[in-house]
N, C-alpha and C. Protein backbone atom coordinates (compact mmCIF):
# COMPACT_ATOMS: atom_id res chain seq x y z
N MET A 1 1.00 -1.12 0.19
CA MET A 1 0.08 0.04 0.17
C MET A 1 0.79 1.33 0.19
N SER A 2 0.30 2.17 -0.54
CA SER A 2 1.25 3.52 -1.00
C SER A 2 1.33 4.08 0.47
N GLU A 3 2.09 4.97 0.58
CA GLU A 3 2.13 6.05 1.72
C GLU A 3 0.98 7.11 1.52
N ASP A 4 0.37 7.41 0.61
CA ASP A 4 -0.64 8.22 0.45
C ASP A 4 -1.85 7.31 0.60
N LYS A 5 -2.00 6.25 0.35
CA LYS A 5 -3.18 5.39 0.74
C LYS A 5 -3.24 4.98 2.07
N ALA A 6 -1.88 4.95 2.54
CA ALA A 6 -2.42 4.63 4.35
C ALA A 6 -2.76 6.16 5.29
N THR A 7 -1.91 7.28 4.55
CA THR A 7 -2.38 8.42 5.23
C THR A 7 -3.83 8.77 5.07
N ALA A 8 -4.16 8.67 3.72
CA ALA A 8 -5.49 8.83 3.63
C ALA A 8 -6.71 7.74 4.57
N LYS A 9 -6.06 6.78 4.96
CA LYS A 9 -7.20 5.91 5.35
C LYS A 9 -6.64 6.61 7.30
N THR A 10 -6.26 7.15 7.44
CA THR A 10 -6.00 7.48 9.07
C THR A 10 -6.12 8.66 9.53
N SER A 11 -6.59 9.70 8.50
CA SER A 11 -6.87 10.85 8.66
C SER A 11 -7.92 11.34 9.09
N GLN A 12 -8.54 12.37 9.42
CA GLN A 12 -9.70 12.68 9.99
C GLN A 12 -10.66 13.13 8.86
N PRO A 13 -12.00 13.28 8.45
CA PRO A 13 -12.62 13.59 7.61
C PRO A 13 -12.75 15.42 7.66
N GLY A 14 -12.66 15.99 6.69
CA GLY A 14 -13.10 17.36 6.98
C GLY A 14 -14.34 17.86 7.05
N PRO A 15 -14.66 19.11 7.35
CA PRO A 15 -15.85 19.70 7.58
C PRO A 15 -17.01 19.24 6.71
N GLU A 16 -16.60 19.07 5.17
CA GLU A 16 -17.45 18.55 4.39
C GLU A 16 -18.37 17.53 4.75
N ALA A 17 -17.66 16.17 5.62
CA ALA A 17 -18.46 15.11 6.01
C ALA A 17 -19.64 15.31 7.20
N ILE A 18 -19.71 16.58 7.37
CA ILE A 18 -20.76 16.79 8.28
C ILE A 18 -22.00 17.04 7.81
N GLU A 19 -23.09 16.11 7.95
CA GLU A 19 -23.93 15.41 8.03
C GLU A 19 -25.63 16.53 7.97
N SER A 20 -25.56 16.69 9.13
CA SER A 20 -27.00 17.01 9.49
C SER A 20 -26.69 18.56 10.43
N VAL A 21 -27.69 19.34 10.55
CA VAL A 21 -27.83 21.14 10.99
C VAL A 21 -27.32 20.44 12.57
N GLU A 22 -27.90 19.32 13.29
CA GLU A 22 -27.40 18.81 14.84
C GLU A 22 -25.94 18.77 14.78
N GLU A 23 -25.50 18.28 13.75
CA GLU A 23 -23.82 17.86 14.26
C GLU A 23 -23.21 18.98 13.63
N LEU A 24 -23.68 19.58 12.83
CA LEU A 24 -22.94 21.33 12.42
C LEU A 24 -22.94 22.44 13.78
N LEU A 25 -24.19 21.91 14.75
CA LEU A 25 -24.45 22.61 15.71
C LEU A 25 -23.25 22.19 16.87
N ALA A 26 -23.12 21.01 17.14
CA ALA A 26 -22.91 20.32 18.11
C ALA A 26 -21.12 20.77 17.70
N HIS A 27 -20.69 20.69 16.37
CA HIS A 27 -19.23 21.06 16.11
C HIS A 27 -19.11 22.58 16.87
N ALA A 28 -20.26 23.55 15.98
CA ALA A 28 -19.64 24.89 16.00
C ALA A 28 -19.72 25.06 17.60
N TYR A 29 -20.73 24.36 18.82
CA TYR A 29 -20.55 24.57 19.96
C TYR A 29 -18.93 24.22 20.82
N VAL A 30 -18.69 22.61 20.50
CA VAL A 30 -17.27 22.41 20.81
C VAL A 30 -16.12 23.55 20.41
N ILE A 31 -16.22 23.59 19.05
CA ILE A 31 -14.87 24.97 18.97
C ILE A 31 -15.11 26.08 19.66
N GLU A 32 -16.21 26.59 20.44
CA GLU A 32 -16.46 27.54 20.79
C GLU A 32 -15.66 27.20 22.42
N VAL A 33 -16.19 26.07 22.59
CA VAL A 33 -16.01 25.54 24.10
C VAL A 33 -14.63 25.44 24.19
N ASP A 34 -13.94 24.78 23.19
CA ASP A 34 -12.57 24.51 23.08
C ASP A 34 -11.52 25.68 23.59
N ALA A 35 -12.35 26.68 22.59
CA ALA A 35 -11.85 28.13 22.43
C ALA A 35 -11.45 28.76 24.10
N VAL A 36 -12.66 28.56 24.65
CA VAL A 36 -12.38 29.34 26.00
C VAL A 36 -11.85 28.48 26.80
N GLU A 37 -11.38 27.41 27.05
CA GLU A 37 -10.54 26.15 27.65
C GLU A 37 -9.34 26.71 27.24
N ARG A 38 -8.96 27.22 26.15
CA ARG A 38 -7.39 27.16 25.64
C ARG A 38 -7.02 28.41 26.08
N TYR A 39 -8.17 29.75 25.95
CA TYR A 39 -7.90 30.86 26.38
C TYR A 39 -7.57 31.13 28.01
N ASN A 40 -8.36 30.29 28.70
CA ASN A 40 -8.02 30.70 29.96
C ASN A 40 -7.11 29.81 30.57
N LEU A 41 -6.59 28.69 29.87
CA LEU A 41 -5.55 27.93 30.11
C LEU A 41 -4.17 29.13 30.29
N LEU A 42 -4.18 29.77 29.08
CA LEU A 42 -3.28 30.36 28.56
C LEU A 42 -3.22 31.73 29.40
N ALA A 43 -4.32 32.16 29.91
CA ALA A 43 -4.70 33.48 30.92
C ALA A 43 -4.01 32.93 32.12
N ASP A 44 -4.11 31.58 32.50
CA ASP A 44 -3.63 31.14 33.85
C ASP A 44 -2.15 30.91 33.82
N GLN A 45 -1.49 30.94 32.53
CA GLN A 45 -0.18 30.29 32.71
C GLN A 45 0.34 32.14 32.79
N MET A 46 -0.51 32.78 32.35
CA MET A 46 0.40 34.21 32.21
C MET A 46 0.46 34.43 33.59
N GLU A 47 -0.69 34.51 33.93
CA GLU A 47 -0.80 34.60 35.57
C GLU A 47 0.46 34.31 36.53
N VAL A 48 0.69 32.98 36.14
CA VAL A 48 1.90 32.66 36.66
C VAL A 48 3.15 33.08 36.60
N HIS A 49 3.48 33.48 35.48
CA HIS A 49 4.30 34.37 34.85
C HIS A 49 4.28 35.85 35.06
N ASN A 50 3.28 36.31 35.63
CA ASN A 50 2.98 37.81 36.51
C ASN A 50 3.02 38.66 35.17
N ASN A 51 2.35 38.03 34.04
CA ASN A 51 1.84 38.82 32.83
C ASN A 51 0.57 39.32 32.81
N SER A 52 0.21 40.21 33.69
CA SER A 52 -1.36 40.10 34.09
C SER A 52 -2.07 40.97 32.68
N GLU A 53 -1.10 41.94 31.96
CA GLU A 53 -1.53 42.52 30.98
C GLU A 53 -2.32 41.18 29.66
N LEU A 54 -1.15 40.49 29.88
CA LEU A 54 -1.25 39.17 28.42
C LEU A 54 -2.85 38.16 29.58
N ALA A 55 -2.75 38.25 30.98
CA ALA A 55 -3.46 37.47 31.58
C ALA A 55 -4.97 37.76 31.32
N ALA A 56 -4.87 39.32 30.86
CA ALA A 56 -6.42 39.90 31.39
C ALA A 56 -6.91 39.82 29.48
N LEU A 57 -5.82 40.14 28.71
CA LEU A 57 -6.00 39.86 27.16
C LEU A 57 -6.74 38.50 26.87
N PHE A 58 -6.28 37.40 27.65
CA PHE A 58 -6.36 36.01 27.20
C PHE A 58 -8.07 35.92 27.83
N ARG A 59 -8.70 36.43 29.01
CA ARG A 59 -9.66 36.35 29.42
C ARG A 59 -10.62 37.18 28.64
N LYS A 60 -10.39 37.95 28.24
CA LYS A 60 -11.19 38.91 27.78
C LYS A 60 -11.65 37.85 26.08
N LEU A 61 -10.41 37.77 25.16
CA LEU A 61 -10.71 36.57 24.67
C LEU A 61 -11.94 35.06 24.75
N ALA A 62 -11.50 34.70 25.80
CA ALA A 62 -12.30 33.65 26.60
C ALA A 62 -13.38 33.89 26.97
N GLY A 63 -14.02 35.24 27.10
CA GLY A 63 -15.25 35.70 27.26
C GLY A 63 -15.90 35.92 25.92
N HIS A 64 -15.37 36.32 24.93
CA HIS A 64 -16.06 36.66 23.92
C HIS A 64 -16.54 35.11 23.53
N GLU A 65 -15.24 34.24 23.32
CA GLU A 65 -15.75 32.90 22.90
C GLU A 65 -17.00 32.08 23.89
N GLU A 66 -16.93 32.51 25.41
CA GLU A 66 -18.18 32.01 26.00
C GLU A 66 -19.46 32.51 25.89
N HIS A 67 -19.55 33.53 25.40
CA HIS A 67 -20.71 34.05 24.75
C HIS A 67 -21.37 33.50 23.80
N HIS A 68 -20.13 33.27 22.49
CA HIS A 68 -20.55 32.59 21.55
C HIS A 68 -21.10 31.37 21.80
N ALA A 69 -20.58 30.73 22.94
CA ALA A 69 -21.07 28.99 22.89
C ALA A 69 -22.28 29.11 23.31
N LYS A 70 -22.51 29.98 23.94
CA LYS A 70 -24.17 30.10 24.88
C LYS A 70 -24.89 30.58 23.73
N GLU A 71 -24.65 31.59 23.23
CA GLU A 71 -25.60 31.93 21.90
C GLU A 71 -25.63 30.72 20.81
N ILE A 72 -24.83 29.77 20.79
CA ILE A 72 -25.28 28.61 19.64
C ILE A 72 -26.35 27.40 20.92
N LEU A 73 -26.16 27.42 21.92
CA LEU A 73 -27.06 26.59 22.50
C LEU A 73 -28.54 27.15 22.46
N GLU A 74 -28.53 28.62 22.61
CA GLU A 74 -30.00 29.37 22.69
C GLU A 74 -30.41 29.07 21.16
N ARG A 75 -29.62 29.28 20.27
CA ARG A 75 -30.32 29.53 18.59
C ARG A 75 -30.63 27.98 18.22
N ALA A 76 -29.79 27.08 18.85
CA ALA A 76 -30.16 25.59 18.79
C ALA A 76 -31.77 25.34 19.10
N GLY A 77 -32.01 25.90 19.99
CA GLY A 77 -33.63 25.73 20.68
C GLY A 77 -33.45 24.54 20.86
N ASP A 78 -34.94 23.65 20.01
CA ASP A 78 -35.32 22.78 20.53
C ASP A 78 -34.21 21.73 19.78
N LYS A 79 -33.61 21.70 19.04
CA LYS A 79 -32.69 20.61 18.25
C LYS A 79 -31.91 20.06 19.13
N ALA A 80 -31.79 18.65 18.92
CA ALA A 80 -31.30 17.76 20.35
C ALA A 80 -29.64 17.80 19.58
N LEU A 81 -28.72 17.90 20.38
CA LEU A 81 -27.31 17.82 19.54
C LEU A 81 -26.65 16.88 19.86
N PRO A 82 -26.02 16.46 18.93
CA PRO A 82 -25.23 14.77 19.38
C PRO A 82 -24.34 15.14 20.24
N LYS A 83 -23.96 14.16 21.39
CA LYS A 83 -23.04 14.35 21.85
C LYS A 83 -21.71 13.20 21.21
N LEU A 84 -20.97 14.12 20.85
CA LEU A 84 -19.66 13.51 20.39
C LEU A 84 -18.83 13.44 20.76
N LYS A 85 -18.37 12.00 20.67
CA LYS A 85 -16.93 11.41 20.82
C LYS A 85 -15.45 12.17 20.30
N SER A 86 -14.69 12.33 20.94
CA SER A 86 -13.25 13.24 20.28
C SER A 86 -12.84 12.77 18.89
N SER A 87 -13.22 11.13 18.48
CA SER A 87 -13.02 10.85 17.04
C SER A 87 -14.37 10.80 16.39
N ASP A 88 -15.17 10.96 16.51
CA ASP A 88 -16.29 11.92 16.13
C ASP A 88 -16.17 13.13 15.27
N TYR A 89 -15.18 14.18 15.66
CA TYR A 89 -15.00 15.25 15.08
C TYR A 89 -14.51 15.52 13.71
N LYS A 90 -14.96 16.27 12.98
CA LYS A 90 -14.58 16.25 11.68
C LYS A 90 -13.99 17.36 11.46
N TRP A 91 -12.82 17.89 11.82
CA TRP A 91 -12.26 19.04 11.70
C TRP A 91 -11.25 18.78 10.73
N GLY A 92 -10.92 17.85 10.55
CA GLY A 92 -9.81 17.70 9.45
C GLY A 92 -8.30 17.66 9.94
N GLU A 93 -8.37 18.14 11.43
CA GLU A 93 -6.91 18.15 12.34
C GLU A 93 -7.16 17.44 13.44
N PHE A 94 -6.14 17.09 13.99
CA PHE A 94 -6.44 16.35 15.33
C PHE A 94 -6.85 17.53 16.26
N GLU A 95 -7.10 18.94 16.42
CA GLU A 95 -7.95 19.60 17.27
C GLU A 95 -8.56 20.39 16.74
N ALA A 96 -9.54 20.97 17.54
CA ALA A 96 -10.65 22.16 16.98
C ALA A 96 -9.88 23.21 16.17
N PRO A 97 -10.65 23.59 15.25
CA PRO A 97 -9.96 24.97 14.42
C PRO A 97 -9.24 26.26 15.52
N GLU A 98 -10.26 26.48 16.29
CA GLU A 98 -10.22 27.59 17.08
C GLU A 98 -9.30 27.46 18.22
N ALA A 99 -8.79 26.22 18.20
CA ALA A 99 -8.11 26.12 19.35
C ALA A 99 -6.52 26.95 19.55
N ALA A 100 -6.27 27.56 20.45
CA ALA A 100 -4.87 28.36 20.53
C ALA A 100 -3.98 27.30 20.78
N GLU A 101 -2.90 27.61 20.03
CA GLU A 101 -1.71 26.64 19.89
C GLU A 101 -0.74 26.91 21.34
N LEU A 102 -1.04 25.84 22.50
CA LEU A 102 -0.71 26.08 23.55
C LEU A 102 0.92 25.96 23.71
N ASP A 103 1.60 25.00 22.72
CA ASP A 103 2.86 24.61 22.41
C ASP A 103 3.72 26.19 22.36
N ARG A 104 2.93 27.13 21.43
CA ARG A 104 3.80 28.66 21.19
C ARG A 104 3.73 29.48 22.33
N ALA A 105 3.22 29.35 23.30
CA ALA A 105 2.85 30.03 24.54
C ALA A 105 4.78 30.10 25.27
N HIS A 106 4.86 31.14 25.43
CA HIS A 106 6.16 31.32 26.27
C HIS A 106 5.83 32.20 27.34
N TYR A 107 6.65 32.13 28.45
CA TYR A 107 6.11 33.49 29.50
C TYR A 107 6.87 34.62 29.21
N LEU A 108 7.38 34.88 28.24
CA LEU A 108 8.06 36.01 28.01
C LEU A 108 7.09 36.83 26.96
N MET A 109 6.18 36.13 26.45
CA MET A 109 5.63 36.48 25.07
C MET A 109 4.78 37.68 25.52
N THR A 110 4.56 38.60 24.38
CA THR A 110 3.98 39.95 24.46
C THR A 110 2.41 39.68 24.04
N PRO A 111 1.56 40.65 24.19
CA PRO A 111 0.33 40.62 23.86
C PRO A 111 0.45 40.97 22.12
N TRP A 112 1.25 41.23 21.72
CA TRP A 112 1.54 40.96 19.84
C TRP A 112 1.42 39.57 19.89
N HIS A 113 2.34 38.47 20.42
CA HIS A 113 2.69 37.22 20.20
C HIS A 113 1.17 36.10 20.21
N ALA A 114 0.42 36.92 21.80
CA ALA A 114 -0.92 36.25 22.11
C ALA A 114 -2.07 36.61 20.96
N LEU A 115 -1.65 37.69 20.69
CA LEU A 115 -2.60 38.30 19.38
C LEU A 115 -2.52 37.32 18.42
N GLN A 116 -1.30 37.20 17.75
CA GLN A 116 -0.88 36.51 16.50
C GLN A 116 -1.56 34.64 16.81
N MET A 117 -1.39 34.24 18.15
CA MET A 117 -1.97 33.22 18.39
C MET A 117 -3.32 33.32 18.11
N ALA A 118 -3.83 34.26 18.67
CA ALA A 118 -5.54 34.14 18.56
C ALA A 118 -5.68 34.47 16.89
N LEU A 119 -5.14 35.33 16.48
CA LEU A 119 -5.47 35.47 15.25
C LEU A 119 -5.38 34.11 14.14
N ARG A 120 -4.31 33.20 14.61
CA ARG A 120 -4.36 32.12 13.49
C ARG A 120 -5.51 31.15 14.06
N ALA A 121 -5.61 31.12 15.05
CA ALA A 121 -6.77 29.93 15.87
C ALA A 121 -7.92 30.73 15.13
N GLU A 122 -8.60 31.95 14.92
CA GLU A 122 -9.72 32.72 14.58
C GLU A 122 -9.87 32.49 12.93
N LYS A 123 -8.42 32.58 12.28
CA LYS A 123 -8.41 32.36 10.66
C LYS A 123 -8.94 30.79 10.49
N ARG A 124 -8.26 29.59 11.37
CA ARG A 124 -8.55 28.56 10.77
C ARG A 124 -10.03 27.76 11.49
N ALA A 125 -10.31 28.92 12.39
CA ALA A 125 -12.33 28.51 12.45
C ALA A 125 -12.90 28.82 11.61
N PHE A 126 -12.27 30.11 10.79
CA PHE A 126 -13.32 31.01 9.56
C PHE A 126 -13.09 29.92 8.23
N ALA A 127 -11.91 29.54 8.31
CA ALA A 127 -11.67 28.30 7.26
C ALA A 127 -12.37 27.18 7.09
N PHE A 128 -13.02 26.58 8.61
CA PHE A 128 -13.63 25.79 8.52
C PHE A 128 -14.87 25.72 8.36
N PHE A 129 -15.61 26.94 8.86
CA PHE A 129 -17.06 27.40 8.30
C PHE A 129 -17.18 27.97 7.05
N ASP A 130 -16.02 28.04 6.20
CA ASP A 130 -15.91 28.41 5.01
C ASP A 130 -15.90 27.44 4.10
N GLN A 131 -15.52 26.29 4.22
CA GLN A 131 -15.75 25.03 3.89
C GLN A 131 -16.84 24.50 4.00
N LEU A 132 -17.57 24.46 5.02
CA LEU A 132 -18.80 23.75 5.22
C LEU A 132 -19.60 24.79 4.68
N VAL A 133 -19.57 26.26 4.33
CA VAL A 133 -20.32 27.24 3.64
C VAL A 133 -20.47 26.32 2.04
N LYS A 134 -19.21 25.75 1.91
CA LYS A 134 -19.01 25.42 0.19
C LYS A 134 -19.17 24.15 -0.21
N THR A 135 -19.67 23.26 0.95
CA THR A 135 -20.25 21.70 0.84
C THR A 135 -21.29 21.28 1.64
N ALA A 136 -21.88 22.31 2.11
CA ALA A 136 -23.24 22.18 2.48
C ALA A 136 -24.50 21.22 1.89
N LYS A 137 -24.86 20.46 2.96
CA LYS A 137 -25.55 19.07 2.19
C LYS A 137 -27.12 19.71 1.90
N ASP A 138 -27.57 21.01 2.57
CA ASP A 138 -28.81 21.55 2.19
C ASP A 138 -28.82 23.16 2.69
N ASP A 139 -29.82 24.13 2.55
CA ASP A 139 -30.03 25.60 2.70
C ASP A 139 -29.90 25.61 3.89
N GLU A 140 -30.86 24.73 5.02
CA GLU A 140 -30.53 25.44 6.32
C GLU A 140 -28.73 25.09 6.82
N MET A 141 -28.36 24.24 6.50
CA MET A 141 -26.97 24.21 6.73
C MET A 141 -25.80 24.88 6.22
N LYS A 142 -26.45 25.39 5.18
CA LYS A 142 -25.49 26.65 4.59
C LYS A 142 -25.56 28.00 5.21
N LYS A 143 -27.16 28.04 5.68
CA LYS A 143 -27.25 29.07 6.38
C LYS A 143 -26.40 29.58 7.58
N TRP A 144 -26.58 28.63 8.59
CA TRP A 144 -25.99 27.99 9.78
C TRP A 144 -24.47 28.50 9.70
N SER A 145 -23.84 27.68 8.42
CA SER A 145 -22.27 27.82 8.03
C SER A 145 -22.42 29.00 8.00
N GLU A 146 -23.17 30.05 6.93
CA GLU A 146 -22.72 31.41 6.62
C GLU A 146 -22.76 32.21 7.81
N GLU A 147 -23.62 32.11 8.91
CA GLU A 147 -23.61 32.85 10.27
C GLU A 147 -22.27 32.41 10.72
N PHE A 148 -21.89 31.34 11.26
CA PHE A 148 -20.67 31.06 11.80
C PHE A 148 -19.49 31.32 11.20
N ARG A 149 -19.48 31.09 9.94
CA ARG A 149 -18.40 32.08 9.30
C ARG A 149 -18.40 33.35 9.35
N GLU A 150 -19.72 34.27 9.05
CA GLU A 150 -19.57 35.73 9.70
C GLU A 150 -19.30 36.24 10.92
N GLU A 151 -19.49 35.15 12.07
CA GLU A 151 -19.01 35.26 13.54
C GLU A 151 -17.08 35.16 13.63
N GLU A 152 -17.08 34.19 12.72
CA GLU A 152 -15.37 34.07 13.03
C GLU A 152 -14.62 35.24 12.46
N ALA A 153 -15.33 35.59 11.21
CA ALA A 153 -14.75 37.27 10.41
C ALA A 153 -14.83 38.15 11.51
N GLU A 154 -15.63 38.27 12.41
CA GLU A 154 -15.86 39.47 13.43
C GLU A 154 -14.73 39.20 14.54
N HIS A 155 -14.58 38.09 14.86
CA HIS A 155 -13.41 37.57 15.52
C HIS A 155 -12.28 37.85 14.95
N VAL A 156 -11.63 37.82 13.50
CA VAL A 156 -10.75 38.06 12.54
C VAL A 156 -10.28 39.48 12.94
N ARG A 157 -11.35 40.41 12.57
CA ARG A 157 -11.65 41.57 12.42
C ARG A 157 -10.99 41.93 13.92
N LEU A 158 -11.77 41.92 14.99
CA LEU A 158 -11.43 41.98 16.46
C LEU A 158 -9.80 42.02 16.82
N VAL A 159 -9.69 40.89 16.49
CA VAL A 159 -8.22 40.54 16.70
C VAL A 159 -7.19 41.43 16.00
N GLU A 160 -7.48 41.53 14.43
CA GLU A 160 -6.54 41.94 13.95
C GLU A 160 -6.68 43.71 14.29
N GLU A 161 -7.81 44.28 14.67
CA GLU A 161 -7.66 45.19 15.52
C GLU A 161 -7.15 45.72 16.56
N LEU A 162 -6.83 44.57 17.75
CA LEU A 162 -6.31 44.56 18.62
C LEU A 162 -4.78 44.55 18.29
N LEU A 163 -4.32 44.10 17.41
CA LEU A 163 -3.16 43.87 16.82
C LEU A 163 -2.46 45.34 16.52
N THR A 164 -3.41 46.22 16.33
CA THR A 164 -2.68 47.44 15.89
C THR A 164 -2.20 48.35 17.15
N ARG A 165 -2.82 47.62 18.51
CA ARG A 165 -2.47 48.59 19.52
C ARG A 165 -0.99 47.98 20.41
N TYR A 166 -0.64 47.09 19.83
CA TYR A 166 0.68 46.50 20.31
C TYR A 166 1.80 46.40 19.06
N PRO A 167 2.72 46.96 19.11
CA PRO A 167 4.17 46.38 17.95
C PRO A 167 4.62 45.33 18.10
N GLU A 168 5.35 45.21 16.88
CA GLU A 168 5.77 43.75 16.77
C GLU A 168 6.95 43.98 17.68
N PRO A 169 7.46 43.00 18.79
CA PRO A 169 8.69 42.93 19.36
C PRO A 169 9.86 42.67 19.04
N ALA A 170 10.98 42.99 19.37
CA ALA A 170 12.26 43.01 18.74
C ALA A 170 12.47 41.52 18.86
N GLU A 171 13.36 41.65 17.73
CA GLU A 171 13.69 39.81 17.68
C GLU A 171 14.35 39.42 19.03
N ASP A 172 14.99 39.97 20.20
CA ASP A 172 15.60 39.36 21.00
C ASP A 172 14.36 39.69 22.27
N TRP A 173 13.26 39.49 21.86
CA TRP A 173 11.97 39.49 22.97
C TRP A 173 12.09 38.41 23.96
N ALA A 174 12.52 37.11 23.76
CA ALA A 174 12.74 36.17 24.24
C ALA A 174 13.95 36.00 25.40
N GLU A 175 14.99 37.25 24.99
CA GLU A 175 15.86 36.67 26.12
C GLU A 175 15.37 37.13 27.34
N ASP A 176 15.92 36.07 28.47
CA ASP A 176 15.73 36.61 29.95
C ASP A 176 17.23 36.72 30.83
N PRO A 177 17.65 37.67 30.74
CA PRO A 177 18.83 37.77 31.70
C PRO A 177 18.85 37.35 33.54
N ASP A 178 17.49 36.60 33.68
CA ASP A 178 17.14 35.96 34.81
C ASP A 178 16.38 34.91 34.43
N PRO A 179 16.73 33.80 33.72
CA PRO A 179 16.06 32.57 33.56
C PRO A 179 15.70 32.09 34.86
N PRO A 180 14.23 30.81 34.71
CA PRO A 180 13.80 30.44 35.82
C PRO A 180 15.13 29.24 35.90
N VAL A 181 15.00 28.83 36.93
CA VAL A 181 16.07 27.96 37.20
C VAL A 181 15.08 26.64 37.75
N TYR A 182 15.19 25.48 37.14
CA TYR A 182 14.30 23.95 37.40
C TYR A 182 14.99 23.37 38.26
N LEU A 183 14.50 22.91 39.25
CA LEU A 183 15.28 22.26 40.42
C LEU A 183 14.59 20.75 40.46
N GLU A 184 15.24 19.69 40.71
CA GLU A 184 14.52 18.51 40.94
C GLU A 184 14.58 18.07 42.29
């Protein structure tokens, strides 16, 4: 078996594999909840490293995502959303599209770095819903996908606007004259 065929068998399907409005809403909800968790984890990490400005920024982003998660449930109304296992998600990736990349966090990162991280996450979420718009199985799925895509476009615009407030840091931003010492 060729490597391409082996890879194709083990990779997850993309958003075009979502079959129903209920499944779409379940995915959209999990995307928002996951974003809340990631931003709160990053805020916690920044608090540990006494970076209160960045902690507040991550808490603000988490608040936006939490608001959208609640809106999804309210807008779903009486639709019964499926309880998806992690193996059921159709991100086309390992993690939810809007998940902030925790491995990129650094205790000395600046708000500019945090916003770049958030921007990448918001753009991935936009691309996920954009793909759903293009592959929607019916008009109702397309309508919901367009709404979610527009919300993610709003998030992208918000983060881009916030980025204008913070200059890109110097290349030596990560140099620490007094680095942490790990003791065993």
